[in-house]
Protein backbone atom coordinates (compact mmCIF):
# COMPACT_ATOMS: atom_id res chain seq x y z
CA MET A 1 12.10 6.09 -4.99
CA ARG A 2 10.09 6.69 -7.90
CA ALA A 3 7.10 7.62 -8.47
CA ALA A 4 4.15 8.80 -11.24
CA ILE A 5 2.11 12.10 -11.16
CA ILE A 6 -1.40 10.74 -11.89
CA GLY A 7 -3.41 13.59 -13.19
CA THR A 8 -2.52 17.21 -13.66
CA TRP A 9 -5.64 18.99 -12.62
CA HIS A 10 -4.83 20.57 -9.40
CA VAL A 11 -3.38 24.09 -9.58
CA HIS A 12 -0.52 22.48 -6.74
CA THR A 13 0.13 19.63 -9.37
CA GLU A 14 3.64 21.45 -10.36
CA GLU A 15 4.57 22.26 -6.81
CA TYR A 16 3.92 18.82 -5.50
CA ALA A 17 6.07 17.28 -8.50
CA ARG A 18 8.85 20.12 -7.88
CA THR A 19 8.93 19.05 -4.32
CA PHE A 20 9.22 15.34 -4.51
CA ALA A 21 11.71 15.52 -7.33
CA GLU A 22 13.94 17.67 -5.13
CA GLN A 23 14.32 15.15 -2.56
CA GLU A 24 17.59 12.65 -2.00
CA GLY A 25 17.24 9.72 -4.13
CA CYS A 26 13.86 10.73 -5.58
CA GLN A 27 12.80 10.51 -8.93
CA LEU A 28 9.71 11.46 -11.25
CA CYS A 29 9.33 8.71 -14.11
CA ALA A 30 6.41 9.52 -15.77
CA VAL A 31 2.74 11.51 -16.11
CA TRP A 32 -0.77 10.49 -16.41
CA ASP A 33 -3.50 12.52 -17.67
CA PRO A 34 -6.70 11.63 -19.36
CA ASP A 35 -6.18 15.01 -21.70
CA LEU A 36 -3.08 14.26 -23.88
CA GLN A 37 -2.02 17.53 -24.04
CA LYS A 38 -2.28 18.33 -20.44
CA ALA A 39 -0.05 15.59 -19.66
CA VAL A 40 2.68 16.35 -22.79
CA THR A 41 2.47 20.38 -21.33
CA PHE A 42 3.67 19.00 -17.98
CA ALA A 43 5.90 16.22 -18.78
CA GLU A 44 8.13 18.94 -21.19
CA LYS A 45 8.38 21.00 -17.92
CA PHE A 46 9.66 18.12 -15.80
CA GLY A 47 11.43 15.45 -18.44
CA VAL A 48 9.09 12.32 -17.93
CA THR A 49 7.23 9.95 -20.05
CA THR A 50 3.45 10.96 -20.79
CA TYR A 51 0.66 8.32 -20.73
CA SER A 52 -2.74 8.81 -21.12
CA ASP A 53 -3.68 5.53 -20.86
CA LEU A 54 -3.10 4.38 -17.47
CA ASP A 55 -3.08 0.93 -17.83
CA GLU A 56 0.19 1.12 -20.44
CA LEU A 57 1.59 3.60 -17.69
CA TYR A 58 1.22 0.53 -15.28
CA ARG A 59 2.46 -1.96 -17.38
CA LYS A 60 5.38 -0.45 -18.65
CA GLU A 61 6.99 1.76 -15.69
CA GLN A 62 8.94 0.62 -12.85
CA PHE A 63 8.10 2.91 -9.92
CA GLU A 64 6.92 2.48 -6.69
CA ALA A 65 4.57 5.59 -5.54
CA VAL A 66 2.17 7.62 -7.03
CA ILE A 67 0.88 11.29 -6.58
CA VAL A 68 -2.64 11.67 -7.17
CA CYS A 69 -3.73 15.31 -8.55
CA SER A 70 -6.21 14.19 -10.84
CA ALA A 71 -10.06 15.87 -10.12
CA THR A 72 -11.71 14.80 -6.89
CA SER A 73 -14.37 13.16 -8.73
CA GLY A 74 -11.88 10.42 -10.04
CA HIS A 75 -9.77 10.02 -6.71
CA VAL A 76 -11.48 7.00 -5.73
CA PRO A 77 -10.91 4.77 -8.89
CA LEU A 78 -7.76 6.17 -9.18
CA ILE A 79 -6.27 6.03 -5.72
CA VAL A 80 -7.73 2.09 -5.38
CA ARG A 81 -5.93 1.14 -8.50
CA ALA A 82 -2.69 2.68 -7.29
CA ALA A 83 -3.45 0.44 -3.80
CA GLU A 84 -3.97 -2.68 -5.53
CA GLU A 85 -1.06 -2.10 -7.86
CA GLY A 86 0.71 -1.51 -4.44
CA LYS A 87 1.94 1.83 -4.92
CA HIS A 88 2.48 4.12 -1.87
CA ILE A 89 0.05 7.30 -1.98
CA PHE A 90 0.07 11.01 -1.75
CA THR A 91 -2.88 12.61 -2.57
CA GLU A 92 -4.56 16.39 -2.53
CA LYS A 93 -7.25 16.96 -0.59
CA VAL A 94 -10.47 15.85 0.19
CA LEU A 95 -10.08 12.56 -0.58
CA ALA A 96 -13.23 11.73 -2.17
CA PRO A 97 -16.61 13.53 -2.63
CA THR A 98 -18.62 10.81 -0.95
CA VAL A 99 -17.74 8.61 2.81
CA GLU A 100 -18.72 5.46 0.83
CA GLY A 101 -15.69 6.45 -2.02
CA ALA A 102 -13.54 7.43 1.33
CA GLU A 103 -14.12 4.00 2.74
CA LYS A 104 -13.43 2.13 -0.66
CA ILE A 105 -10.23 3.97 -0.97
CA ARG A 106 -9.19 3.01 2.92
CA ASP A 107 -10.02 -0.72 2.29
CA ALA A 108 -7.89 -0.75 -0.41
CA VAL A 109 -4.96 0.70 1.32
CA ILE A 110 -5.29 -0.94 4.78
CA ARG A 111 -5.69 -4.50 2.53
CA ASN A 112 -2.64 -3.92 0.34
CA GLY A 113 -0.57 -2.20 2.70
CA VAL A 114 0.65 0.89 1.11
CA ARG A 115 1.70 4.03 2.94
CA PHE A 116 -0.85 6.97 2.31
CA VAL A 117 -0.64 10.77 2.86
CA ILE A 118 -3.09 13.32 2.36
CA SER A 119 -2.13 17.04 2.18
CA TYR A 120 -2.95 18.93 5.04
CA PRO A 121 -0.18 21.57 5.12
CA HIS A 122 -1.43 23.77 7.71
CA LYS A 123 -1.31 21.40 10.37
CA CYS A 124 2.52 22.49 9.51
CA ILE A 125 2.73 25.96 10.37
CA PRO A 126 4.54 27.16 13.48
CA GLY A 127 1.30 29.12 15.10
CA LEU A 128 -1.04 26.33 14.47
CA ILE A 129 0.97 23.66 16.37
CA PHE A 130 1.59 26.30 18.70
CA ALA A 131 -2.29 26.24 19.12
CA LYS A 132 -2.55 22.94 19.25
CA GLN A 133 0.12 22.28 21.97
CA MET A 134 -1.62 25.02 24.29
CA ILE A 135 -4.94 22.58 23.77
CA ASP A 136 -3.19 19.42 24.59
CA GLU A 137 -1.58 21.14 27.53
CA GLY A 138 -4.12 22.52 29.11
CA LYS A 139 -3.18 26.01 29.06
CA LEU A 140 -6.69 27.20 27.98
CA GLY A 141 -8.58 25.10 29.93
CA GLN A 142 -11.54 23.87 28.43
CA VAL A 143 -11.44 25.09 25.11
CA THR A 144 -15.18 26.45 24.23
CA TYR A 145 -14.56 27.79 20.88
CA ALA A 146 -12.78 28.00 17.64
CA ARG A 147 -12.40 29.55 14.53
CA MET A 148 -10.71 29.44 11.12
CA ARG A 149 -11.00 31.94 8.41
CA ASN A 150 -9.36 30.67 5.19
CA THR A 151 -10.25 32.30 1.92
CA HIS A 152 -8.63 34.16 -1.07
CA ASN A 153 -9.99 36.51 -4.20
CA GLY A 154 -9.64 33.83 -6.51
CA SER A 155 -13.66 34.40 -8.00
CA VAL A 156 -13.36 37.84 -7.85
CA ALA A 157 -10.24 38.17 -9.27
CA GLY A 158 -10.63 35.71 -12.09
CA TRP A 159 -7.71 33.47 -11.75
CA LEU A 160 -8.63 30.34 -10.08
CA PRO A 161 -9.28 27.85 -13.11
CA ALA A 162 -12.66 27.27 -14.34
CA HIS A 163 -12.94 23.70 -13.33
CA PHE A 164 -12.84 24.28 -9.88
CA TYR A 165 -16.42 25.73 -10.29
CA ASP A 166 -17.27 22.25 -11.82
CA LYS A 167 -19.61 20.39 -9.02
CA ASP A 168 -19.48 16.98 -11.20
CA GLU A 169 -15.55 17.41 -10.84
CA CYS A 170 -14.79 18.89 -7.59
CA GLY A 171 -17.87 17.67 -5.60
CA GLY A 172 -18.48 21.56 -4.44
CA GLY A 173 -17.13 24.75 -4.12
CA ALA A 174 -15.05 26.82 -2.04
CA MET A 175 -15.66 24.55 0.96
CA ILE A 176 -14.37 21.40 -0.71
CA ASP A 177 -11.60 23.24 -1.87
CA LEU A 178 -10.44 25.75 0.33
CA GLY A 179 -12.71 25.17 3.33
CA ALA A 180 -10.96 21.81 3.92
CA HIS A 181 -7.88 23.25 5.45
CA PRO A 182 -10.29 25.13 8.65
CA MET A 183 -12.14 21.48 8.35
CA TYR A 184 -9.26 19.17 9.36
CA ILE A 185 -7.90 21.77 11.42
CA LEU A 186 -10.93 22.01 13.97
CA LEU A 187 -11.00 17.72 13.97
CA TRP A 188 -7.38 18.49 14.82
CA PHE A 189 -8.37 21.04 17.47
CA LEU A 190 -11.34 19.74 19.00
CA GLY A 191 -12.43 16.13 17.42
CA GLU A 192 -15.49 15.01 15.85
CA PRO A 193 -18.71 17.31 16.43
CA VAL A 194 -22.15 15.82 17.12
CA SER A 195 -23.90 18.54 13.98
CA VAL A 196 -22.90 20.62 11.36
CA SER A 197 -24.70 23.25 10.05
CA SER A 198 -23.88 25.33 7.07
CA ALA A 199 -24.70 28.88 4.85
CA PHE A 200 -22.83 28.66 1.46
CA THR A 201 -24.06 31.55 -1.10
CA SER A 202 -22.56 32.38 -4.69
CA VAL A 203 -21.57 36.03 -4.81
CA THR A 204 -20.35 35.92 -8.30
CA GLY A 205 -23.08 33.94 -9.82
CA LYS A 206 -21.05 30.36 -10.23
CA PRO A 207 -22.58 27.29 -10.03
CA VAL A 208 -20.93 26.26 -6.75
CA GLU A 209 -20.51 27.97 -3.37
CA ASP A 210 -18.07 30.70 -3.46
CA ASN A 211 -18.24 32.00 0.28
CA ALA A 212 -19.35 29.42 3.00
CA VAL A 213 -19.52 29.31 6.45
CA SER A 214 -20.43 26.24 8.82
CA VAL A 215 -20.79 25.73 12.00
CA LEU A 216 -19.75 22.59 14.44
CA THR A 217 -21.04 21.78 17.32
CA TYR A 218 -19.79 19.47 20.29
CA GLU A 219 -20.77 17.32 22.80
CA ASN A 220 -19.02 19.12 25.37
CA GLY A 221 -20.51 22.45 24.59
CA ALA A 222 -17.86 23.78 22.29
CA ILE A 223 -18.08 25.17 18.89
CA GLY A 224 -16.21 25.30 15.96
CA VAL A 225 -16.69 27.66 12.88
CA SER A 226 -15.32 27.27 9.53
CA GLU A 227 -15.19 30.23 7.03
CA THR A 228 -13.99 29.76 3.88
CA GLY A 229 -14.30 31.89 0.11
CA PHE A 230 -13.23 32.44 -3.26
CA VAL A 231 -14.58 36.20 -2.59
CA SER A 232 -11.97 37.95 -0.29
CA ARG A 233 -8.80 40.37 -1.10
CA PHE A 234 -7.81 40.83 2.19
CA GLY A 235 -8.12 39.50 5.93
CA ASN A 236 -7.86 35.69 4.54
CA TYR A 237 -6.30 34.07 7.55
CA LEU A 238 -7.06 34.16 10.88
CA VAL A 239 -7.18 31.12 13.53
CA GLU A 240 -8.46 31.73 16.93
CA VAL A 241 -9.32 29.64 20.10
CA CYS A 242 -10.59 30.63 23.37
CA GLY A 243 -11.52 28.24 26.39
CA THR A 244 -12.41 28.83 30.11
CA GLU A 245 -8.23 30.16 31.27
CA GLY A 246 -6.91 31.41 28.27
CA ALA A 247 -6.85 32.21 24.22
CA VAL A 248 -4.88 31.62 21.34
CA ARG A 249 -5.01 34.17 18.07
CA VAL A 250 -3.11 33.22 14.72
CA THR A 251 -2.61 35.43 11.77
CA ASP A 252 -1.03 35.49 8.62
CA SER A 253 1.62 38.10 10.40
CA GLU A 254 2.02 37.10 14.09
CA THR A 255 0.61 34.79 16.76
CA ILE A 256 -0.46 36.02 19.93
CA TRP A 257 -1.75 34.59 22.96
CA THR A 258 -3.57 35.02 26.76
CA GLY A 259 -4.21 33.76 29.70
CA VAL A 260 -4.08 33.15 33.28
CA GLU A 261 0.12 33.18 33.12
CA THR A 262 0.01 36.51 31.06
CA GLN A 263 -2.34 38.11 33.73
CA GLY A 264 -4.77 38.34 30.63
CA GLN A 265 -2.60 40.38 28.61
CA TRP A 266 -2.01 39.67 24.97
CA VAL A 267 1.64 38.03 24.51
CA PRO A 268 4.05 36.93 21.69
CA ALA A 269 3.72 33.26 21.31
CA SER A 270 7.35 31.51 21.32
CA LEU A 271 6.64 29.62 18.30
CA PRO A 272 8.13 25.83 17.43
CA GLU A 273 9.78 25.25 14.23
CA ALA A 274 7.57 24.68 11.16
CA SER A 275 7.04 20.40 10.75
CA ASP A 276 7.91 19.06 7.02
CA LEU A 277 5.34 18.99 4.75
CA PRO A 278 3.21 15.99 4.17
CA ILE A 279 4.69 15.27 0.73
CA LYS A 280 8.00 15.57 2.74
CA GLN A 281 6.73 13.02 5.50
CA TRP A 282 5.31 10.63 3.40
CA ILE A 283 8.70 10.30 1.90
CA ASP A 284 10.27 9.58 5.02
CA TRP A 285 7.65 7.31 5.57
CA VAL A 286 8.34 5.35 2.74
CA THR A 287 11.99 5.86 2.45
CA LYS A 288 12.99 5.69 6.40
CA ASP A 289 9.94 3.63 8.07
CA ILE A 290 8.85 7.26 9.99
CA PRO A 291 5.06 7.25 10.30
CA ALA A 292 3.13 10.24 9.54
CA PRO A 293 -0.15 9.75 11.51
CA GLU A 294 -1.00 13.28 11.36
CA PHE A 295 -2.46 12.52 7.19
CA ASP A 296 -3.01 8.82 7.36
CA ILE A 297 -6.15 7.49 5.81
CA GLU A 298 -8.28 8.02 9.01
CA GLU A 299 -7.56 11.45 9.20
CA ALA A 300 -8.59 11.67 5.22
CA VAL A 301 -11.72 9.71 5.73
CA ARG A 302 -12.56 11.78 8.69
CA LEU A 303 -12.28 15.24 6.87
CA THR A 304 -14.84 13.28 4.01
CA LYS A 305 -17.50 12.63 6.90
CA LEU A 306 -17.34 16.00 7.79
CA MET A 307 -17.46 17.52 4.37
CA GLU A 308 -20.21 15.41 3.43
CA ALA A 309 -22.46 16.76 6.52
CA ALA A 310 -21.77 20.34 5.61
CA TYR A 311 -22.81 20.11 2.38
CA LYS A 312 -25.95 18.11 3.55
CA ALA A 313 -26.59 20.71 5.92
CA SER A 314 -26.49 23.24 3.32
CA GLU A 315 -28.39 21.40 1.32
CA THR A 316 -31.26 20.84 3.26
CA GLY A 317 -31.40 23.85 5.58
CA ARG A 318 -31.03 21.75 8.97
CA ALA A 319 -28.19 20.49 11.17
CA ALA A 320 -26.61 17.40 10.07
CA ASN A 321 -26.14 14.68 12.77
CA LEU A 322 -22.65 12.93 12.32
CA SER A 323 -23.14 10.58 16.21
């Protein structure tokens, strides 16, 4: 499979390119970026052809797939174009800044029959797979509360690229970027909520939030909490799932659980293997016809719906209803 890189804006662009190129039978052929110098810099590292004219790329190159790493604001036209050109698509999250845009992408993907995967890598982490299995098997009873904290110190330490604070390009700040991971994990664990409330602040004076919490409520009384930010040096990763019969806790260093079976004692989890990363699952879907339903276009649209509601709640100061 030959693929072109569409945009070099995202910090994970080189990681995706390298992972793709390392897979058997996969070859990067070109890179496009509206900033020619950025495309040239990328091309020098990967030995591919450079384009700043997208029409020229599609006219000259022979390829089957694209890896979209542009600014979020560019996803709708770029991904729709790729779908209309019949290219299979791997993209960084989130899918689009608005539900309207996400649905345009979904329609194009379905209409053209291309294979689409979005990058939700935390679904591949053994501790979170274990938590999901415990939920599905009923080992926790009725789940009443789930919380995920995912933060880093990018704003206070100054290493996060400046364009991550550009609302026009990103659609927001910490929540739409790093907070996407807790949001899609809460969707995975608890399903779609009925309402979302948010508290977003800027600790470092950036034009977008760098510290954010959203609270999700569910029809059955469950509560989900998404915590994120660019202003924490330590204690950056924590997942807790609690139910009427047990609980699971996942950190960077361990996964433990307690329940009726353990007589209330916290014990180490017997972890499953990590799943292949989304980009590898995408390659297998395209080349081996092995579907990747955890990362497909419907999952991508669901996250955008939740994000749009979270930002609406922050802007209005009132809970946003999803039902």
